[in-house]
Each structure stands twice: as structure tokens, then as C-alpha cells.
Amino acid sequence: MNVSTKRIRIKLGSAIALAELLEDEAPRTCALIWKQLPMTGKTGHSMESGREVFVEVRKNLRPEPENRTIYQIPGDVVFYLKPILLPLIGRERPVISFIYDRDSQIRGPKGPIPVNLFARIVEGLPRLSQESVRMRQQGFKPAVIEKPEGI
């Protein structure tokens, strides 16, 4: 890791993970997210995309296309507009989400959704995965995305 690489802390229930920002690949998205920290939001588990947990963020945040992908891997942290499915078709909300296991692809009603890949989890993914599964069964609580202490 580069000494100057910025990190974010993701708290989900009792799990804590650290993710490195991909500032070279997604500088505008990283700057936008960094400026908004800390963020607390309602969480959910995608039903159409596989092993994806998303956190709703401020409605005025809008991702500009940058470092886009439709192929996510475990540990990816992404920012995109999530379509709201029934009954309010045609609306969307900005979310930050992370992929916690294989065989996932962020999808909407018309297929894969291009997302801004802006960070990658480098510590705590196994615990975050366990907490994601537990919360999917027992109900989700708000998540916190913040700067690590000392920054």
C-alpha cells in the first residue's frame, strides 16, 4: 500500500472493514465520497444482484460516469444509482455498495448496471461477509462509512 493511499472504514453491524480508495482510477468519485464522510445510511441486501449490500446515501449525490464496470468481484466498493423496483418504477436512489462474495453482478430491470468502482476492501472482508449473511436473515441496521481515526 502506498503511504498516502486514503482509506475508508465500513461499519456494518458488528463488522468493520477497511477499503482503499482508487484515487488514480476514480479521482472525482473518491473526492466526492471523501468530502461527504462520515455517512450513515439505511442498508439493504440486493435481491437481484447476488451478494451485494447497499447503503443509501444523500439524495443530492449523483455519480458521474468514471471507472465503470459491470463485472464486480468480492471486495469491490461501488457508487451508482439503484433503480427502485415496484411500485415506483422509473425512480432511482444513489447508493454505495460492496460485493461480499462471488457470483454477483449489479443488475436492474433491464440487465447489468454500470457502476463506479472507487474502492476495494483490503481488511475485514470475511467478517463483513458473515455479518451480511446474518443481517440478511435477521434484518439490516444502518451502516456507517467514515474516515479511519487519525485522519
N, C-alpha and C. Protein backbone atom coordinates (compact mmCIF):
# COMPACT_ATOMS: atom_id res chain seq x y z
N MET A 1 0.84 -1.17 0.00
CA MET A 1 0.00 0.00 0.00
C MET A 1 0.88 1.24 0.00
N ASN A 2 0.54 2.20 -0.81
CA ASN A 2 1.19 3.50 -0.82
C ASN A 2 0.86 4.19 0.49
N VAL A 3 1.86 4.84 1.12
CA VAL A 3 1.65 5.50 2.41
C VAL A 3 0.55 6.55 2.33
N SER A 4 0.39 7.21 1.18
CA SER A 4 -0.59 8.27 1.05
C SER A 4 -1.96 7.78 0.60
N THR A 5 -2.14 6.50 0.39
CA THR A 5 -3.43 5.97 -0.04
C THR A 5 -4.48 6.20 1.04
N LYS A 6 -5.58 6.82 0.63
CA LYS A 6 -6.68 7.07 1.57
C LYS A 6 -7.49 5.80 1.74
N ARG A 7 -8.02 5.65 2.95
CA ARG A 7 -8.88 4.51 3.26
C ARG A 7 -10.20 5.01 3.84
N ILE A 8 -11.21 4.19 3.70
CA ILE A 8 -12.48 4.41 4.38
C ILE A 8 -12.77 3.21 5.25
N ARG A 9 -13.50 3.46 6.33
CA ARG A 9 -13.93 2.39 7.23
C ARG A 9 -15.41 2.15 6.98
N ILE A 10 -15.78 0.89 6.83
CA ILE A 10 -17.18 0.50 6.64
C ILE A 10 -17.59 -0.29 7.88
N LYS A 11 -18.62 0.20 8.57
CA LYS A 11 -19.15 -0.49 9.74
C LYS A 11 -20.54 -1.01 9.39
N LEU A 12 -20.72 -2.29 9.52
CA LEU A 12 -22.00 -2.94 9.26
C LEU A 12 -22.27 -3.87 10.43
N GLY A 13 -23.24 -3.50 11.27
CA GLY A 13 -23.48 -4.29 12.47
C GLY A 13 -22.22 -4.35 13.31
N SER A 14 -21.79 -5.56 13.64
CA SER A 14 -20.58 -5.72 14.47
C SER A 14 -19.31 -5.85 13.63
N ALA A 15 -19.43 -5.77 12.32
CA ALA A 15 -18.26 -5.93 11.45
C ALA A 15 -17.67 -4.57 11.05
N ILE A 16 -16.36 -4.55 10.93
CA ILE A 16 -15.65 -3.37 10.46
C ILE A 16 -14.68 -3.81 9.37
N ALA A 17 -14.68 -3.07 8.27
CA ALA A 17 -13.75 -3.36 7.17
C ALA A 17 -13.09 -2.05 6.75
N LEU A 18 -11.91 -2.18 6.16
CA LEU A 18 -11.21 -1.02 5.60
C LEU A 18 -11.10 -1.21 4.10
N ALA A 19 -11.32 -0.12 3.38
CA ALA A 19 -11.21 -0.15 1.93
C ALA A 19 -10.27 0.97 1.48
N GLU A 20 -9.44 0.67 0.50
CA GLU A 20 -8.54 1.67 -0.08
C GLU A 20 -9.25 2.35 -1.24
N LEU A 21 -9.19 3.68 -1.25
CA LEU A 21 -9.76 4.44 -2.36
C LEU A 21 -8.88 4.26 -3.60
N LEU A 22 -9.51 4.16 -4.73
CA LEU A 22 -8.82 4.00 -6.01
C LEU A 22 -8.73 5.38 -6.67
N GLU A 23 -7.94 6.25 -6.06
CA GLU A 23 -7.89 7.65 -6.49
C GLU A 23 -7.32 7.83 -7.89
N ASP A 24 -6.43 6.96 -8.33
CA ASP A 24 -5.89 7.07 -9.69
C ASP A 24 -6.94 6.70 -10.73
N GLU A 25 -7.79 5.73 -10.42
CA GLU A 25 -8.78 5.24 -11.37
C GLU A 25 -10.09 6.03 -11.31
N ALA A 26 -10.46 6.55 -10.15
CA ALA A 26 -11.75 7.24 -9.97
C ALA A 26 -11.58 8.49 -9.10
N PRO A 27 -10.79 9.45 -9.55
CA PRO A 27 -10.49 10.61 -8.70
C PRO A 27 -11.71 11.45 -8.33
N ARG A 28 -12.62 11.69 -9.26
CA ARG A 28 -13.80 12.52 -8.95
C ARG A 28 -14.73 11.81 -7.97
N THR A 29 -14.94 10.53 -8.17
CA THR A 29 -15.82 9.78 -7.26
C THR A 29 -15.20 9.71 -5.88
N CYS A 30 -13.91 9.42 -5.80
CA CYS A 30 -13.24 9.36 -4.50
C CYS A 30 -13.33 10.70 -3.78
N ALA A 31 -13.09 11.80 -4.49
CA ALA A 31 -13.15 13.13 -3.87
C ALA A 31 -14.56 13.44 -3.38
N LEU A 32 -15.57 13.08 -4.17
CA LEU A 32 -16.96 13.32 -3.78
C LEU A 32 -17.31 12.55 -2.51
N ILE A 33 -16.98 11.28 -2.47
CA ILE A 33 -17.29 10.45 -1.30
C ILE A 33 -16.51 10.94 -0.09
N TRP A 34 -15.21 11.19 -0.25
CA TRP A 34 -14.35 11.63 0.86
C TRP A 34 -14.91 12.90 1.50
N LYS A 35 -15.37 13.82 0.67
CA LYS A 35 -15.91 15.10 1.15
C LYS A 35 -17.17 14.91 1.99
N GLN A 36 -17.94 13.87 1.72
CA GLN A 36 -19.22 13.62 2.40
C GLN A 36 -19.07 12.86 3.72
N LEU A 37 -17.90 12.32 3.99
CA LEU A 37 -17.73 11.47 5.17
C LEU A 37 -17.79 12.27 6.46
N PRO A 38 -18.33 11.70 7.52
CA PRO A 38 -18.92 10.35 7.62
C PRO A 38 -20.34 10.33 7.06
N MET A 39 -20.75 9.14 6.62
CA MET A 39 -22.11 8.92 6.12
C MET A 39 -22.71 7.75 6.87
N THR A 40 -23.95 7.92 7.26
CA THR A 40 -24.72 6.84 7.85
C THR A 40 -25.95 6.67 6.98
N GLY A 41 -26.28 5.44 6.66
CA GLY A 41 -27.43 5.23 5.79
C GLY A 41 -28.13 3.92 6.03
N LYS A 42 -29.36 3.90 5.55
CA LYS A 42 -30.17 2.69 5.58
C LYS A 42 -29.51 1.66 4.66
N THR A 43 -29.48 0.43 5.09
CA THR A 43 -28.84 -0.62 4.30
C THR A 43 -29.87 -1.61 3.79
N GLY A 44 -29.47 -2.35 2.80
CA GLY A 44 -30.30 -3.41 2.27
C GLY A 44 -29.44 -4.43 1.57
N HIS A 45 -30.03 -5.54 1.26
CA HIS A 45 -29.34 -6.60 0.52
C HIS A 45 -30.04 -6.74 -0.81
N SER A 46 -29.28 -6.65 -1.87
CA SER A 46 -29.86 -6.76 -3.19
C SER A 46 -30.51 -8.13 -3.39
N MET A 47 -31.65 -8.12 -4.01
CA MET A 47 -32.33 -9.39 -4.30
C MET A 47 -32.03 -9.84 -5.74
N GLU A 48 -31.65 -8.89 -6.59
CA GLU A 48 -31.46 -9.21 -8.00
C GLU A 48 -29.99 -9.33 -8.41
N SER A 49 -29.07 -8.93 -7.52
CA SER A 49 -27.67 -8.83 -7.93
C SER A 49 -26.75 -9.85 -7.27
N GLY A 50 -27.25 -10.66 -6.39
CA GLY A 50 -26.37 -11.60 -5.72
C GLY A 50 -25.92 -11.07 -4.37
N ARG A 51 -24.67 -11.24 -4.06
CA ARG A 51 -24.13 -10.91 -2.74
C ARG A 51 -23.64 -9.47 -2.70
N GLU A 52 -24.60 -8.57 -2.70
CA GLU A 52 -24.34 -7.13 -2.69
C GLU A 52 -25.13 -6.49 -1.55
N VAL A 53 -24.45 -5.72 -0.72
CA VAL A 53 -25.10 -4.93 0.32
C VAL A 53 -24.95 -3.47 -0.09
N PHE A 54 -26.06 -2.74 -0.03
CA PHE A 54 -26.01 -1.34 -0.43
C PHE A 54 -26.40 -0.44 0.74
N VAL A 55 -25.87 0.78 0.70
CA VAL A 55 -26.14 1.80 1.71
C VAL A 55 -26.70 3.01 0.97
N GLU A 56 -27.90 3.42 1.34
CA GLU A 56 -28.48 4.61 0.72
C GLU A 56 -27.74 5.84 1.22
N VAL A 57 -27.39 6.72 0.28
CA VAL A 57 -26.67 7.95 0.63
C VAL A 57 -27.54 9.16 0.29
N ARG A 58 -27.02 10.34 0.59
CA ARG A 58 -27.78 11.58 0.37
C ARG A 58 -28.31 11.66 -1.05
N LYS A 59 -29.57 12.06 -1.17
CA LYS A 59 -30.23 12.08 -2.48
C LYS A 59 -29.59 13.02 -3.47
N ASN A 60 -28.90 14.05 -2.98
CA ASN A 60 -28.30 15.01 -3.91
C ASN A 60 -26.98 14.52 -4.50
N LEU A 61 -26.45 13.41 -4.05
CA LEU A 61 -25.21 12.86 -4.61
C LEU A 61 -25.54 12.11 -5.90
N ARG A 62 -24.81 12.42 -6.93
CA ARG A 62 -25.02 11.76 -8.21
C ARG A 62 -23.67 11.36 -8.79
N PRO A 63 -23.51 10.09 -9.12
CA PRO A 63 -22.23 9.67 -9.69
C PRO A 63 -22.09 10.11 -11.14
N GLU A 64 -20.97 10.71 -11.47
CA GLU A 64 -20.61 10.95 -12.87
C GLU A 64 -19.91 9.68 -13.34
N PRO A 65 -20.15 9.25 -14.55
CA PRO A 65 -19.50 8.02 -15.02
C PRO A 65 -17.98 8.11 -14.91
N GLU A 66 -17.41 7.11 -14.22
CA GLU A 66 -15.97 7.09 -14.01
C GLU A 66 -15.57 5.69 -13.54
N ASN A 67 -14.53 5.14 -14.15
CA ASN A 67 -14.03 3.82 -13.78
C ASN A 67 -15.18 2.81 -13.69
N ARG A 68 -16.00 2.80 -14.71
CA ARG A 68 -17.22 2.00 -14.70
C ARG A 68 -16.94 0.54 -15.03
N THR A 69 -17.76 -0.30 -14.42
CA THR A 69 -17.67 -1.73 -14.69
C THR A 69 -19.04 -2.36 -14.52
N ILE A 70 -19.26 -3.46 -15.20
CA ILE A 70 -20.45 -4.28 -14.95
C ILE A 70 -20.03 -5.64 -14.38
N TYR A 71 -18.73 -5.79 -14.14
CA TYR A 71 -18.19 -7.03 -13.60
C TYR A 71 -17.54 -6.76 -12.25
N GLN A 72 -18.23 -7.09 -11.18
CA GLN A 72 -17.71 -6.84 -9.84
C GLN A 72 -17.14 -8.13 -9.26
N ILE A 73 -16.17 -7.93 -8.36
CA ILE A 73 -15.58 -9.06 -7.65
C ILE A 73 -15.69 -8.81 -6.16
N PRO A 74 -15.55 -9.85 -5.33
CA PRO A 74 -15.62 -9.65 -3.88
C PRO A 74 -14.62 -8.59 -3.42
N GLY A 75 -15.10 -7.68 -2.60
CA GLY A 75 -14.27 -6.60 -2.08
C GLY A 75 -14.43 -5.29 -2.81
N ASP A 76 -15.08 -5.29 -3.97
CA ASP A 76 -15.31 -4.05 -4.70
C ASP A 76 -16.30 -3.17 -3.93
N VAL A 77 -16.02 -1.86 -3.91
CA VAL A 77 -16.93 -0.87 -3.33
C VAL A 77 -17.28 0.08 -4.47
N VAL A 78 -18.58 0.25 -4.72
CA VAL A 78 -19.03 0.98 -5.90
C VAL A 78 -20.08 2.02 -5.54
N PHE A 79 -20.27 2.97 -6.45
CA PHE A 79 -21.25 4.04 -6.29
C PHE A 79 -22.08 4.08 -7.57
N TYR A 80 -23.42 4.09 -7.41
CA TYR A 80 -24.28 4.11 -8.59
C TYR A 80 -25.70 4.50 -8.19
N LEU A 81 -26.54 4.67 -9.21
CA LEU A 81 -27.96 4.95 -8.99
C LEU A 81 -28.72 3.64 -9.07
N LYS A 82 -29.29 3.23 -7.94
CA LYS A 82 -30.01 1.96 -7.86
C LYS A 82 -31.47 2.18 -8.24
N PRO A 83 -31.96 1.45 -9.23
CA PRO A 83 -33.38 1.58 -9.57
C PRO A 83 -34.27 1.11 -8.42
N ILE A 84 -35.32 1.84 -8.18
CA ILE A 84 -36.32 1.42 -7.19
C ILE A 84 -37.33 0.57 -7.95
N LEU A 85 -37.44 -0.66 -7.55
CA LEU A 85 -38.37 -1.55 -8.23
C LEU A 85 -39.78 -1.33 -7.69
N LEU A 86 -40.70 -2.12 -8.08
CA LEU A 86 -42.11 -1.95 -7.72
C LEU A 86 -42.31 -1.35 -6.35
N PRO A 87 -43.27 -0.48 -6.11
CA PRO A 87 -44.26 0.02 -7.07
C PRO A 87 -43.87 1.31 -7.76
N LEU A 88 -42.68 1.83 -7.54
CA LEU A 88 -42.31 3.14 -8.07
C LEU A 88 -41.32 3.02 -9.22
N ILE A 89 -41.65 2.26 -10.23
CA ILE A 89 -40.75 2.05 -11.36
C ILE A 89 -40.39 3.40 -11.98
N GLY A 90 -39.14 3.54 -12.37
CA GLY A 90 -38.70 4.75 -13.00
C GLY A 90 -37.95 5.69 -12.08
N ARG A 91 -37.88 5.38 -10.80
CA ARG A 91 -37.12 6.20 -9.87
C ARG A 91 -35.85 5.46 -9.49
N GLU A 92 -34.90 6.22 -8.97
CA GLU A 92 -33.64 5.61 -8.55
C GLU A 92 -33.08 6.39 -7.37
N ARG A 93 -32.18 5.74 -6.63
CA ARG A 93 -31.56 6.38 -5.48
C ARG A 93 -30.06 6.11 -5.51
N PRO A 94 -29.28 7.10 -5.06
CA PRO A 94 -27.83 6.89 -5.04
C PRO A 94 -27.45 5.96 -3.89
N VAL A 95 -26.58 5.02 -4.17
CA VAL A 95 -26.12 4.07 -3.15
C VAL A 95 -24.63 3.82 -3.30
N ILE A 96 -24.03 3.48 -2.17
CA ILE A 96 -22.69 2.90 -2.15
C ILE A 96 -22.91 1.44 -1.78
N SER A 97 -22.28 0.57 -2.50
CA SER A 97 -22.47 -0.84 -2.17
C SER A 97 -21.14 -1.58 -2.24
N PHE A 98 -21.15 -2.74 -1.61
CA PHE A 98 -19.96 -3.59 -1.68
C PHE A 98 -20.39 -5.00 -2.00
N ILE A 99 -19.51 -5.69 -2.71
CA ILE A 99 -19.71 -7.08 -3.08
C ILE A 99 -18.95 -7.92 -2.06
N TYR A 100 -19.66 -8.86 -1.44
CA TYR A 100 -19.00 -9.63 -0.39
C TYR A 100 -18.73 -11.09 -0.74
N ASP A 101 -19.14 -11.53 -1.92
CA ASP A 101 -18.85 -12.91 -2.31
C ASP A 101 -18.96 -13.03 -3.82
N ARG A 102 -18.60 -14.19 -4.33
CA ARG A 102 -18.59 -14.45 -5.77
C ARG A 102 -20.00 -14.54 -6.34
N ASP A 103 -20.04 -14.65 -7.66
CA ASP A 103 -21.29 -14.84 -8.40
C ASP A 103 -22.27 -13.70 -8.18
N SER A 104 -21.76 -12.48 -8.23
CA SER A 104 -22.59 -11.30 -8.07
C SER A 104 -22.41 -10.40 -9.28
N GLN A 105 -23.47 -9.73 -9.66
CA GLN A 105 -23.41 -8.72 -10.70
C GLN A 105 -24.57 -7.75 -10.43
N ILE A 106 -24.25 -6.47 -10.29
CA ILE A 106 -25.27 -5.49 -10.00
C ILE A 106 -26.17 -5.34 -11.22
N ARG A 107 -27.48 -5.55 -10.98
CA ARG A 107 -28.45 -5.60 -12.07
C ARG A 107 -29.65 -4.72 -11.76
N GLY A 108 -30.30 -4.32 -12.81
CA GLY A 108 -31.56 -3.59 -12.73
C GLY A 108 -32.59 -4.32 -13.56
N PRO A 109 -33.74 -3.70 -13.80
CA PRO A 109 -34.79 -4.36 -14.56
C PRO A 109 -34.41 -4.68 -16.00
N LYS A 110 -33.41 -3.97 -16.54
CA LYS A 110 -33.02 -4.17 -17.95
C LYS A 110 -31.67 -4.84 -18.10
N GLY A 111 -31.12 -5.37 -17.01
CA GLY A 111 -29.84 -6.06 -17.10
C GLY A 111 -28.77 -5.42 -16.24
N PRO A 112 -27.48 -5.70 -16.53
CA PRO A 112 -26.39 -5.17 -15.72
C PRO A 112 -26.39 -3.64 -15.69
N ILE A 113 -26.00 -3.08 -14.54
CA ILE A 113 -25.90 -1.63 -14.37
C ILE A 113 -24.42 -1.26 -14.27
N PRO A 114 -23.95 -0.35 -15.12
CA PRO A 114 -22.57 0.13 -14.97
C PRO A 114 -22.44 0.91 -13.66
N VAL A 115 -21.42 0.61 -12.89
CA VAL A 115 -21.21 1.24 -11.58
C VAL A 115 -19.81 1.84 -11.53
N ASN A 116 -19.65 2.88 -10.69
CA ASN A 116 -18.33 3.49 -10.49
C ASN A 116 -17.59 2.70 -9.43
N LEU A 117 -16.54 2.02 -9.82
CA LEU A 117 -15.68 1.30 -8.88
C LEU A 117 -14.70 2.32 -8.31
N PHE A 118 -14.81 2.60 -6.98
CA PHE A 118 -13.97 3.64 -6.40
C PHE A 118 -13.13 3.18 -5.22
N ALA A 119 -13.36 1.97 -4.71
CA ALA A 119 -12.57 1.48 -3.58
C ALA A 119 -12.57 -0.04 -3.59
N ARG A 120 -11.60 -0.59 -2.87
CA ARG A 120 -11.51 -2.05 -2.74
C ARG A 120 -11.22 -2.38 -1.28
N ILE A 121 -12.00 -3.30 -0.72
CA ILE A 121 -11.82 -3.71 0.67
C ILE A 121 -10.51 -4.48 0.79
N VAL A 122 -9.68 -4.04 1.75
CA VAL A 122 -8.36 -4.66 1.93
C VAL A 122 -8.22 -5.33 3.30
N GLU A 123 -9.14 -5.04 4.21
CA GLU A 123 -9.14 -5.69 5.53
C GLU A 123 -10.58 -5.89 5.98
N GLY A 124 -10.87 -7.06 6.52
CA GLY A 124 -12.16 -7.31 7.15
C GLY A 124 -13.25 -7.87 6.27
N LEU A 125 -12.94 -8.26 5.04
CA LEU A 125 -13.98 -8.78 4.15
C LEU A 125 -14.64 -10.06 4.69
N PRO A 126 -13.90 -11.03 5.24
CA PRO A 126 -14.58 -12.23 5.77
C PRO A 126 -15.60 -11.90 6.85
N ARG A 127 -15.25 -11.02 7.77
CA ARG A 127 -16.19 -10.65 8.85
C ARG A 127 -17.39 -9.87 8.28
N LEU A 128 -17.14 -8.99 7.32
CA LEU A 128 -18.21 -8.25 6.67
C LEU A 128 -19.16 -9.21 5.94
N SER A 129 -18.60 -10.24 5.34
CA SER A 129 -19.42 -11.25 4.66
C SER A 129 -20.32 -11.98 5.64
N GLN A 130 -19.75 -12.39 6.77
CA GLN A 130 -20.54 -13.08 7.80
C GLN A 130 -21.67 -12.20 8.31
N GLU A 131 -21.36 -10.94 8.56
CA GLU A 131 -22.36 -10.00 9.07
C GLU A 131 -23.45 -9.75 8.02
N SER A 132 -23.07 -9.71 6.76
CA SER A 132 -24.04 -9.51 5.69
C SER A 132 -25.05 -10.65 5.65
N VAL A 133 -24.55 -11.87 5.76
CA VAL A 133 -25.44 -13.04 5.76
C VAL A 133 -26.33 -13.02 7.00
N ARG A 134 -25.75 -12.73 8.17
CA ARG A 134 -26.53 -12.68 9.40
C ARG A 134 -27.63 -11.61 9.31
N MET A 135 -27.27 -10.43 8.84
CA MET A 135 -28.25 -9.35 8.76
C MET A 135 -29.31 -9.63 7.70
N ARG A 136 -28.94 -10.34 6.65
CA ARG A 136 -29.95 -10.68 5.64
C ARG A 136 -31.03 -11.57 6.26
N GLN A 137 -30.65 -12.41 7.19
CA GLN A 137 -31.60 -13.30 7.84
C GLN A 137 -32.34 -12.61 8.98
N GLN A 138 -31.67 -11.70 9.68
CA GLN A 138 -32.24 -11.11 10.90
C GLN A 138 -32.66 -9.65 10.75
N GLY A 139 -32.37 -9.03 9.63
CA GLY A 139 -32.73 -7.64 9.41
C GLY A 139 -31.52 -6.72 9.45
N PHE A 140 -31.52 -5.76 8.56
CA PHE A 140 -30.39 -4.84 8.43
C PHE A 140 -30.56 -3.63 9.33
N LYS A 141 -29.43 -3.12 9.77
CA LYS A 141 -29.35 -1.89 10.55
C LYS A 141 -28.54 -0.89 9.74
N PRO A 142 -28.58 0.39 10.13
CA PRO A 142 -27.79 1.38 9.38
C PRO A 142 -26.31 1.02 9.35
N ALA A 143 -25.67 1.42 8.27
CA ALA A 143 -24.22 1.26 8.13
C ALA A 143 -23.57 2.62 8.25
N VAL A 144 -22.29 2.61 8.59
CA VAL A 144 -21.52 3.84 8.69
C VAL A 144 -20.32 3.71 7.76
N ILE A 145 -20.10 4.75 6.97
CA ILE A 145 -18.91 4.84 6.13
C ILE A 145 -18.20 6.10 6.59
N GLU A 146 -16.92 5.95 7.00
CA GLU A 146 -16.23 7.08 7.61
C GLU A 146 -14.74 7.02 7.33
N LYS A 147 -14.07 8.11 7.67
CA LYS A 147 -12.62 8.13 7.62
C LYS A 147 -12.10 7.38 8.84
N PRO A 148 -11.05 6.59 8.67
CA PRO A 148 -10.46 5.95 9.85
C PRO A 148 -9.95 7.00 10.84
N GLU A 149 -9.89 6.64 12.10
CA GLU A 149 -9.41 7.56 13.13
C GLU A 149 -8.00 8.02 12.80
N GLY A 150 -7.71 9.25 13.19
CA GLY A 150 -6.39 9.80 12.98
C GLY A 150 -6.22 10.50 11.65
N ILE A 151 -7.32 10.62 10.88
CA ILE A 151 -7.21 11.31 9.58
C ILE A 151 -7.97 12.62 9.66
